[in-house]
Amino acid sequence: MTMWQTAEEASWNLKGMNSLGKNLEEKITPEITAELKECFSVYELNSCWKSLFSMIELFESTSKELSLKLKIEFPEKEVNKILKYINKIKNGN
């Protein structure tokens, strides 16, 4: 999603960045870079959950921003259902 956001901001000109995201860190803001780094964890349960929720938060914020720019509806209701389900799994219910 960060690649799509970056591409949209560059009028969809992906020059200097390949489809696998090579050189992406050079193109995104320092704030997004910091958020992206929060999406990685060590192999420990609490760290994995923290990373998952960081990834969801980053994906959701960039998706919302991009959907506004592209004038498409963001699926808020579906996202909330997914988050509710993930929290249910996390809490062992």
PDB file of N, CA and C in Angstrom:
ATOM      1  N   MET A   1       0.821  -1.174   0.000  1.00  0.00           N
ATOM      2  CA  MET A   1       0.000   0.000   0.000  1.00  0.00           C
ATOM      3  C   MET A   1       0.878   1.256   0.000  1.00  0.00           C
ATOM      4  N   THR A   2       2.014   1.174   0.705  1.00  0.00           N
ATOM      5  CA  THR A   2       2.911   2.330   0.704  1.00  0.00           C
ATOM      6  C   THR A   2       3.475   2.577  -0.701  1.00  0.00           C
ATOM      7  N   MET A   3       3.678   1.502  -1.461  1.00  0.00           N
ATOM      8  CA  MET A   3       4.138   1.672  -2.848  1.00  0.00           C
ATOM      9  C   MET A   3       3.071   2.360  -3.689  1.00  0.00           C
ATOM     10  N   TRP A   4       1.831   1.958  -3.519  1.00  0.00           N
ATOM     11  CA  TRP A   4       0.740   2.584  -4.275  1.00  0.00           C
ATOM     12  C   TRP A   4       0.620   4.052  -3.897  1.00  0.00           C
ATOM     13  N   GLN A   5       0.721   4.330  -2.594  1.00  0.00           N
ATOM     14  CA  GLN A   5       0.631   5.714  -2.138  1.00  0.00           C
ATOM     15  C   GLN A   5       1.762   6.547  -2.740  1.00  0.00           C
ATOM     16  N   THR A   6       2.963   5.998  -2.716  1.00  0.00           N
ATOM     17  CA  THR A   6       4.118   6.692  -3.280  1.00  0.00           C
ATOM     18  C   THR A   6       3.957   6.891  -4.780  1.00  0.00           C
ATOM     19  N   ALA A   7       3.462   5.870  -5.457  1.00  0.00           N
ATOM     20  CA  ALA A   7       3.249   5.964  -6.907  1.00  0.00           C
ATOM     21  C   ALA A   7       2.198   7.020  -7.236  1.00  0.00           C
ATOM     22  N   GLU A   8       1.127   7.056  -6.461  1.00  0.00           N
ATOM     23  CA  GLU A   8       0.078   8.048  -6.704  1.00  0.00           C
ATOM     24  C   GLU A   8       0.633   9.456  -6.521  1.00  0.00           C
ATOM     25  N   GLU A   9       1.436   9.652  -5.481  1.00  0.00           N
ATOM     26  CA  GLU A   9       2.028  10.963  -5.223  1.00  0.00           C
ATOM     27  C   GLU A   9       2.989  11.380  -6.335  1.00  0.00           C
ATOM     28  N   ALA A  10       3.541  10.407  -7.052  1.00  0.00           N
ATOM     29  CA  ALA A  10       4.459  10.685  -8.161  1.00  0.00           C
ATOM     30  C   ALA A  10       3.745  10.567  -9.508  1.00  0.00           C
ATOM     31  N   SER A  11       2.418  10.747  -9.490  1.00  0.00           N
ATOM     32  CA  SER A  11       1.601  10.642 -10.713  1.00  0.00           C
ATOM     33  C   SER A  11       1.789   9.298 -11.397  1.00  0.00           C
ATOM     34  N   TRP A  12       1.959   8.260 -10.593  1.00  0.00           N
ATOM     35  CA  TRP A  12       2.102   6.873 -11.044  1.00  0.00           C
ATOM     36  C   TRP A  12       3.364   6.641 -11.869  1.00  0.00           C
ATOM     37  N   ASN A  13       4.362   7.484 -11.675  1.00  0.00           N
ATOM     38  CA  ASN A  13       5.647   7.320 -12.327  1.00  0.00           C
ATOM     39  C   ASN A  13       6.559   6.562 -11.360  1.00  0.00           C
ATOM     40  N   LEU A  14       6.804   5.308 -11.651  1.00  0.00           N
ATOM     41  CA  LEU A  14       7.598   4.461 -10.762  1.00  0.00           C
ATOM     42  C   LEU A  14       9.067   4.388 -11.142  1.00  0.00           C
ATOM     43  N   LYS A  15       9.538   5.370 -11.848  1.00  0.00           N
ATOM     44  CA  LYS A  15      10.936   5.391 -12.266  1.00  0.00           C
ATOM     45  C   LYS A  15      11.856   5.313 -11.036  1.00  0.00           C
ATOM     46  N   GLY A  16      12.774   4.391 -11.062  1.00  0.00           N
ATOM     47  CA  GLY A  16      13.718   4.223  -9.973  1.00  0.00           C
ATOM     48  C   GLY A  16      13.231   3.284  -8.876  1.00  0.00           C
ATOM     49  N   MET A  17      12.052   2.691  -9.059  1.00  0.00           N
ATOM     50  CA  MET A  17      11.533   1.765  -8.056  1.00  0.00           C
ATOM     51  C   MET A  17      10.919   0.575  -8.783  1.00  0.00           C
ATOM     52  N   ASN A  18      11.362  -0.623  -8.437  1.00  0.00           N
ATOM     53  CA  ASN A  18      10.820  -1.785  -9.142  1.00  0.00           C
ATOM     54  C   ASN A  18       9.561  -2.300  -8.468  1.00  0.00           C
ATOM     55  N   SER A  19       8.925  -3.281  -9.051  1.00  0.00           N
ATOM     56  CA  SER A  19       7.646  -3.787  -8.561  1.00  0.00           C
ATOM     57  C   SER A  19       7.751  -4.501  -7.215  1.00  0.00           C
ATOM     58  N   LEU A  20       8.941  -4.827  -6.773  1.00  0.00           N
ATOM     59  CA  LEU A  20       9.121  -5.486  -5.482  1.00  0.00           C
ATOM     60  C   LEU A  20       9.424  -4.489  -4.367  1.00  0.00           C
ATOM     61  N   GLY A  21       9.398  -3.216  -4.693  1.00  0.00           N
ATOM     62  CA  GLY A  21       9.606  -2.194  -3.687  1.00  0.00           C
ATOM     63  C   GLY A  21      11.048  -1.797  -3.465  1.00  0.00           C
ATOM     64  N   LYS A  22      11.935  -2.249  -4.339  1.00  0.00           N
ATOM     65  CA  LYS A  22      13.335  -1.873  -4.201  1.00  0.00           C
ATOM     66  C   LYS A  22      13.434  -0.346  -4.256  1.00  0.00           C
ATOM     67  N   ASN A  23      14.209   0.225  -3.375  1.00  0.00           N
ATOM     68  CA  ASN A  23      14.405   1.670  -3.261  1.00  0.00           C
ATOM     69  C   ASN A  23      13.188   2.402  -2.687  1.00  0.00           C
ATOM     70  N   LEU A  24      12.230   1.673  -2.140  1.00  0.00           N
ATOM     71  CA  LEU A  24      11.032   2.302  -1.580  1.00  0.00           C
ATOM     72  C   LEU A  24      11.386   3.264  -0.450  1.00  0.00           C
ATOM     73  N   GLU A  25      12.316   2.872   0.411  1.00  0.00           N
ATOM     74  CA  GLU A  25      12.684   3.729   1.541  1.00  0.00           C
ATOM     75  C   GLU A  25      13.217   5.087   1.094  1.00  0.00           C
ATOM     76  N   GLU A  26      13.769   5.154  -0.088  1.00  0.00           N
ATOM     77  CA  GLU A  26      14.267   6.430  -0.611  1.00  0.00           C
ATOM     78  C   GLU A  26      13.122   7.341  -1.053  1.00  0.00           C
ATOM     79  N   LYS A  27      11.965   6.760  -1.295  1.00  0.00           N
ATOM     80  CA  LYS A  27      10.836   7.507  -1.856  1.00  0.00           C
ATOM     81  C   LYS A  27       9.783   7.892  -0.820  1.00  0.00           C
ATOM     82  N   ILE A  28       9.718   7.174   0.319  1.00  0.00           N
ATOM     83  CA  ILE A  28       8.673   7.451   1.299  1.00  0.00           C
ATOM     84  C   ILE A  28       9.167   8.420   2.365  1.00  0.00           C
ATOM     85  N   THR A  29       8.227   9.006   3.078  1.00  0.00           N
ATOM     86  CA  THR A  29       8.580   9.986   4.107  1.00  0.00           C
ATOM     87  C   THR A  29       9.252   9.297   5.294  1.00  0.00           C
ATOM     88  N   PRO A  30      10.017  10.057   6.071  1.00  0.00           N
ATOM     89  CA  PRO A  30      10.626   9.480   7.279  1.00  0.00           C
ATOM     90  C   PRO A  30       9.575   8.943   8.260  1.00  0.00           C
ATOM     91  N   GLU A  31       8.404   9.584   8.299  1.00  0.00           N
ATOM     92  CA  GLU A  31       7.334   9.124   9.187  1.00  0.00           C
ATOM     93  C   GLU A  31       6.835   7.743   8.772  1.00  0.00           C
ATOM     94  N   ILE A  32       6.608   7.556   7.474  1.00  0.00           N
ATOM     95  CA  ILE A  32       6.154   6.253   6.980  1.00  0.00           C
ATOM     96  C   ILE A  32       7.245   5.202   7.185  1.00  0.00           C
ATOM     97  N   THR A  33       8.497   5.583   6.983  1.00  0.00           N
ATOM     98  CA  THR A  33       9.610   4.659   7.211  1.00  0.00           C
ATOM     99  C   THR A  33       9.608   4.181   8.662  1.00  0.00           C
ATOM    100  N   ALA A  34       9.405   5.096   9.607  1.00  0.00           N
ATOM    101  CA  ALA A  34       9.370   4.729  11.026  1.00  0.00           C
ATOM    102  C   ALA A  34       8.192   3.801  11.311  1.00  0.00           C
ATOM    103  N   GLU A  35       7.022   4.092  10.738  1.00  0.00           N
ATOM    104  CA  GLU A  35       5.857   3.231  10.936  1.00  0.00           C
ATOM    105  C   GLU A  35       6.088   1.849  10.330  1.00  0.00           C
ATOM    106  N   LEU A  36       6.727   1.816   9.171  1.00  0.00           N
ATOM    107  CA  LEU A  36       7.004   0.556   8.501  1.00  0.00           C
ATOM    108  C   LEU A  36       7.933  -0.324   9.339  1.00  0.00           C
ATOM    109  N   LYS A  37       8.910   0.288   9.973  1.00  0.00           N
ATOM    110  CA  LYS A  37       9.840  -0.471  10.811  1.00  0.00           C
ATOM    111  C   LYS A  37       9.139  -1.099  12.006  1.00  0.00           C
ATOM    112  N   GLU A  38       8.041  -0.508  12.461  1.00  0.00           N
ATOM    113  CA  GLU A  38       7.271  -1.056  13.574  1.00  0.00           C
ATOM    114  C   GLU A  38       6.530  -2.332  13.183  1.00  0.00           C
ATOM    115  N   CYS A  39       6.470  -2.619  11.888  1.00  0.00           N
ATOM    116  CA  CYS A  39       5.739  -3.789  11.391  1.00  0.00           C
ATOM    117  C   CYS A  39       6.556  -5.072  11.449  1.00  0.00           C
ATOM    118  N   PHE A  40       7.772  -4.995  11.928  1.00  0.00           N
ATOM    119  CA  PHE A  40       8.631  -6.170  11.999  1.00  0.00           C
ATOM    120  C   PHE A  40       8.917  -6.505  13.452  1.00  0.00           C
ATOM    121  N   SER A  41       9.039  -7.790  13.745  1.00  0.00           N
ATOM    122  CA  SER A  41       9.203  -8.208  15.136  1.00  0.00           C
ATOM    123  C   SER A  41      10.276  -9.266  15.276  1.00  0.00           C
ATOM    124  N   VAL A  42      10.512  -9.609  16.523  1.00  0.00           N
ATOM    125  CA  VAL A  42      11.332 -10.775  16.838  1.00  0.00           C
ATOM    126  C   VAL A  42      10.352 -11.925  17.065  1.00  0.00           C
ATOM    127  N   TYR A  43      10.869 -13.132  17.147  1.00  0.00           N
ATOM    128  CA  TYR A  43       9.986 -14.295  17.304  1.00  0.00           C
ATOM    129  C   TYR A  43       9.592 -14.432  18.768  1.00  0.00           C
ATOM    130  N   GLU A  44       8.628 -13.615  19.165  1.00  0.00           N
ATOM    131  CA  GLU A  44       8.098 -13.630  20.522  1.00  0.00           C
ATOM    132  C   GLU A  44       6.645 -13.197  20.401  1.00  0.00           C
ATOM    133  N   LEU A  45       5.736 -13.860  21.089  1.00  0.00           N
ATOM    134  CA  LEU A  45       4.304 -13.687  20.884  1.00  0.00           C
ATOM    135  C   LEU A  45       3.844 -12.230  20.979  1.00  0.00           C
ATOM    136  N   ASN A  46       4.173 -11.541  22.053  1.00  0.00           N
ATOM    137  CA  ASN A  46       3.726 -10.143  22.203  1.00  0.00           C
ATOM    138  C   ASN A  46       4.296  -9.248  21.111  1.00  0.00           C
ATOM    139  N   SER A  47       5.522  -9.496  20.730  1.00  0.00           N
ATOM    140  CA  SER A  47       6.148  -8.714  19.665  1.00  0.00           C
ATOM    141  C   SER A  47       5.453  -8.967  18.325  1.00  0.00           C
ATOM    142  N   CYS A  48       5.051 -10.216  18.092  1.00  0.00           N
ATOM    143  CA  CYS A  48       4.331 -10.555  16.852  1.00  0.00           C
ATOM    144  C   CYS A  48       2.988  -9.837  16.794  1.00  0.00           C
ATOM    145  N   TRP A  49       2.256  -9.827  17.921  1.00  0.00           N
ATOM    146  CA  TRP A  49       0.969  -9.118  17.948  1.00  0.00           C
ATOM    147  C   TRP A  49       1.169  -7.620  17.728  1.00  0.00           C
ATOM    148  N   LYS A  50       2.186  -7.046  18.376  1.00  0.00           N
ATOM    149  CA  LYS A  50       2.470  -5.617  18.216  1.00  0.00           C
ATOM    150  C   LYS A  50       2.779  -5.308  16.749  1.00  0.00           C
ATOM    151  N   SER A  51       3.571  -6.159  16.125  1.00  0.00           N
ATOM    152  CA  SER A  51       3.920  -5.966  14.715  1.00  0.00           C
ATOM    153  C   SER A  51       2.701  -6.075  13.819  1.00  0.00           C
ATOM    154  N   LEU A  52       1.843  -7.051  14.099  1.00  0.00           N
ATOM    155  CA  LEU A  52       0.637  -7.221  13.293  1.00  0.00           C
ATOM    156  C   LEU A  52      -0.244  -5.982  13.368  1.00  0.00           C
ATOM    157  N   PHE A  53      -0.477  -5.476  14.584  1.00  0.00           N
ATOM    158  CA  PHE A  53      -1.329  -4.303  14.718  1.00  0.00           C
ATOM    159  C   PHE A  53      -0.671  -3.043  14.144  1.00  0.00           C
ATOM    160  N   SER A  54       0.652  -2.947  14.195  1.00  0.00           N
ATOM    161  CA  SER A  54       1.349  -1.831  13.552  1.00  0.00           C
ATOM    162  C   SER A  54       1.164  -1.892  12.041  1.00  0.00           C
ATOM    163  N   MET A  55       1.249  -3.103  11.492  1.00  0.00           N
ATOM    164  CA  MET A  55       1.065  -3.282  10.048  1.00  0.00           C
ATOM    165  C   MET A  55      -0.361  -2.915   9.644  1.00  0.00           C
ATOM    166  N   ILE A  56      -1.329  -3.352  10.430  1.00  0.00           N
ATOM    167  CA  ILE A  56      -2.726  -3.042  10.133  1.00  0.00           C
ATOM    168  C   ILE A  56      -2.950  -1.535  10.179  1.00  0.00           C
ATOM    169  N   GLU A  57      -2.399  -0.883  11.188  1.00  0.00           N
ATOM    170  CA  GLU A  57      -2.555   0.567  11.330  1.00  0.00           C
ATOM    171  C   GLU A  57      -1.941   1.315  10.140  1.00  0.00           C
ATOM    172  N   LEU A  58      -0.741   0.915   9.738  1.00  0.00           N
ATOM    173  CA  LEU A  58      -0.086   1.541   8.597  1.00  0.00           C
ATOM    174  C   LEU A  58      -0.873   1.301   7.311  1.00  0.00           C
ATOM    175  N   PHE A  59      -1.302   0.060   7.099  1.00  0.00           N
ATOM    176  CA  PHE A  59      -2.069  -0.265   5.898  1.00  0.00           C
ATOM    177  C   PHE A  59      -3.367   0.528   5.869  1.00  0.00           C
ATOM    178  N   GLU A  60      -4.043   0.607   7.018  1.00  0.00           N
ATOM    179  CA  GLU A  60      -5.311   1.327   7.082  1.00  0.00           C
ATOM    180  C   GLU A  60      -5.128   2.817   6.819  1.00  0.00           C
ATOM    181  N   SER A  61      -4.133   3.431   7.427  1.00  0.00           N
ATOM    182  CA  SER A  61      -3.941   4.877   7.233  1.00  0.00           C
ATOM    183  C   SER A  61      -3.556   5.206   5.791  1.00  0.00           C
ATOM    184  N   THR A  62      -2.671   4.417   5.194  1.00  0.00           N
ATOM    185  CA  THR A  62      -2.297   4.695   3.806  1.00  0.00           C
ATOM    186  C   THR A  62      -3.445   4.368   2.861  1.00  0.00           C
ATOM    187  N   SER A  63      -4.226   3.330   3.171  1.00  0.00           N
ATOM    188  CA  SER A  63      -5.383   2.975   2.336  1.00  0.00           C
ATOM    189  C   SER A  63      -6.437   4.068   2.360  1.00  0.00           C
ATOM    190  N   LYS A  64      -6.696   4.612   3.547  1.00  0.00           N
ATOM    191  CA  LYS A  64      -7.684   5.690   3.658  1.00  0.00           C
ATOM    192  C   LYS A  64      -7.249   6.914   2.864  1.00  0.00           C
ATOM    193  N   GLU A  65      -5.992   7.275   3.018  1.00  0.00           N
ATOM    194  CA  GLU A  65      -5.465   8.444   2.300  1.00  0.00           C
ATOM    195  C   GLU A  65      -5.540   8.230   0.791  1.00  0.00           C
ATOM    196  N   LEU A  66      -5.137   7.055   0.342  1.00  0.00           N
ATOM    197  CA  LEU A  66      -5.146   6.763  -1.088  1.00  0.00           C
ATOM    198  C   LEU A  66      -6.569   6.673  -1.628  1.00  0.00           C
ATOM    199  N   SER A  67      -7.477   6.095  -0.864  1.00  0.00           N
ATOM    200  CA  SER A  67      -8.860   5.990  -1.342  1.00  0.00           C
ATOM    201  C   SER A  67      -9.491   7.371  -1.511  1.00  0.00           C
ATOM    202  N   LEU A  68      -9.132   8.314  -0.644  1.00  0.00           N
ATOM    203  CA  LEU A  68      -9.626   9.689  -0.813  1.00  0.00           C
ATOM    204  C   LEU A  68      -9.098  10.309  -2.103  1.00  0.00           C
ATOM    205  N   LYS A  69      -7.809  10.120  -2.348  1.00  0.00           N
ATOM    206  CA  LYS A  69      -7.196  10.680  -3.550  1.00  0.00           C
ATOM    207  C   LYS A  69      -7.770  10.057  -4.816  1.00  0.00           C
ATOM    208  N   LEU A  70      -8.062   8.747  -4.751  1.00  0.00           N
ATOM    209  CA  LEU A  70      -8.584   8.047  -5.927  1.00  0.00           C
ATOM    210  C   LEU A  70     -10.112   8.112  -6.011  1.00  0.00           C
ATOM    211  N   LYS A  71     -10.706   8.753  -4.997  1.00  0.00           N
ATOM    212  CA  LYS A  71     -12.164   8.933  -4.952  1.00  0.00           C
ATOM    213  C   LYS A  71     -12.910   7.597  -4.985  1.00  0.00           C
ATOM    214  N   ILE A  72     -12.412   6.664  -4.152  1.00  0.00           N
ATOM    215  CA  ILE A  72     -13.112   5.388  -3.980  1.00  0.00           C
ATOM    216  C   ILE A  72     -13.457   5.240  -2.504  1.00  0.00           C
ATOM    217  N   GLU A  73     -14.500   4.493  -2.235  1.00  0.00           N
ATOM    218  CA  GLU A  73     -14.959   4.334  -0.862  1.00  0.00           C
ATOM    219  C   GLU A  73     -14.052   3.379  -0.093  1.00  0.00           C
ATOM    220  N   PHE A  74     -13.663   3.799   1.092  1.00  0.00           N
ATOM    221  CA  PHE A  74     -12.864   2.939   1.959  1.00  0.00           C
ATOM    222  C   PHE A  74     -13.816   1.994   2.691  1.00  0.00           C
ATOM    223  N   PRO A  75     -13.531   0.692   2.720  1.00  0.00           N
ATOM    224  CA  PRO A  75     -14.443  -0.292   3.329  1.00  0.00           C
ATOM    225  C   PRO A  75     -14.344  -0.328   4.855  1.00  0.00           C
ATOM    226  N   GLU A  76     -14.733   0.750   5.497  1.00  0.00           N
ATOM    227  CA  GLU A  76     -14.608   0.900   6.954  1.00  0.00           C
ATOM    228  C   GLU A  76     -15.297  -0.232   7.723  1.00  0.00           C
ATOM    229  N   LYS A  77     -16.505  -0.595   7.307  1.00  0.00           N
ATOM    230  CA  LYS A  77     -17.257  -1.635   8.018  1.00  0.00           C
ATOM    231  C   LYS A  77     -16.515  -2.968   7.962  1.00  0.00           C
ATOM    232  N   GLU A  78     -15.978  -3.311   6.797  1.00  0.00           N
ATOM    233  CA  GLU A  78     -15.251  -4.567   6.652  1.00  0.00           C
ATOM    234  C   GLU A  78     -13.964  -4.562   7.473  1.00  0.00           C
ATOM    235  N   VAL A  79     -13.280  -3.432   7.485  1.00  0.00           N
ATOM    236  CA  VAL A  79     -12.043  -3.316   8.269  1.00  0.00           C
ATOM    237  C   VAL A  79     -12.352  -3.518   9.751  1.00  0.00           C
ATOM    238  N   ASN A  80     -13.426  -2.915  10.225  1.00  0.00           N
ATOM    239  CA  ASN A  80     -13.801  -3.069  11.632  1.00  0.00           C
ATOM    240  C   ASN A  80     -14.131  -4.520  11.967  1.00  0.00           C
ATOM    241  N   LYS A  81     -14.775  -5.232  11.051  1.00  0.00           N
ATOM    242  CA  LYS A  81     -15.070  -6.649  11.267  1.00  0.00           C
ATOM    243  C   LYS A  81     -13.779  -7.460  11.376  1.00  0.00           C
ATOM    244  N   ILE A  82     -12.839  -7.163  10.511  1.00  0.00           N
ATOM    245  CA  ILE A  82     -11.554  -7.868  10.521  1.00  0.00           C
ATOM    246  C   ILE A  82     -10.816  -7.602  11.831  1.00  0.00           C
ATOM    247  N   LEU A  83     -10.787  -6.334  12.257  1.00  0.00           N
ATOM    248  CA  LEU A  83     -10.108  -5.990  13.511  1.00  0.00           C
ATOM    249  C   LEU A  83     -10.771  -6.666  14.707  1.00  0.00           C
ATOM    250  N   LYS A  84     -12.071  -6.721  14.703  1.00  0.00           N
ATOM    251  CA  LYS A  84     -12.800  -7.389  15.779  1.00  0.00           C
ATOM    252  C   LYS A  84     -12.424  -8.876  15.823  1.00  0.00           C
ATOM    253  N   TYR A  85     -12.355  -9.500  14.662  1.00  0.00           N
ATOM    254  CA  TYR A  85     -11.994 -10.917  14.571  1.00  0.00           C
ATOM    255  C   TYR A  85     -10.556 -11.152  15.046  1.00  0.00           C
ATOM    256  N   ILE A  86      -9.636 -10.305  14.619  1.00  0.00           N
ATOM    257  CA  ILE A  86      -8.230 -10.460  15.020  1.00  0.00           C
ATOM    258  C   ILE A  86      -8.091 -10.283  16.529  1.00  0.00           C
ATOM    259  N   ASN A  87      -8.796  -9.320  17.096  1.00  0.00           N
ATOM    260  CA  ASN A  87      -8.752  -9.123  18.547  1.00  0.00           C
ATOM    261  C   ASN A  87      -9.340 -10.317  19.283  1.00  0.00           C
ATOM    262  N   LYS A  88     -10.367 -10.920  18.688  1.00  0.00           N
ATOM    263  CA  LYS A  88     -10.974 -12.115  19.293  1.00  0.00           C
ATOM    264  C   LYS A  88      -9.958 -13.254  19.338  1.00  0.00           C
ATOM    265  N   ILE A  89      -9.212 -13.426  18.265  1.00  0.00           N
ATOM    266  CA  ILE A  89      -8.167 -14.458  18.221  1.00  0.00           C
ATOM    267  C   ILE A  89      -7.086 -14.153  19.243  1.00  0.00           C
ATOM    268  N   LYS A  90      -6.663 -12.897  19.278  1.00  0.00           N
ATOM    269  CA  LYS A  90      -5.600 -12.489  20.211  1.00  0.00           C
ATOM    270  C   LYS A  90      -5.999 -12.764  21.657  1.00  0.00           C
ATOM    271  N   ASN A  91      -7.262 -12.504  21.973  1.00  0.00           N
ATOM    272  CA  ASN A  91      -7.743 -12.679  23.340  1.00  0.00           C
ATOM    273  C   ASN A  91      -8.165 -14.100  23.655  1.00  0.00           C
ATOM    274  N   GLY A  92      -8.036 -15.006  22.668  1.00  0.00           N
ATOM    275  CA  GLY A  92      -8.333 -16.410  22.887  1.00  0.00           C
ATOM    276  C   GLY A  92      -9.797 -16.748  22.975  1.00  0.00           C
ATOM    277  N   ASN A  93     -10.635 -15.920  22.368  1.00  0.00           N
ATOM    278  CA  ASN A  93     -12.084 -16.163  22.389  1.00  0.00           C
ATOM    279  C   ASN A  93     -12.545 -16.853  21.133  1.00  0.00           C
TER     280      ASN A  93
END
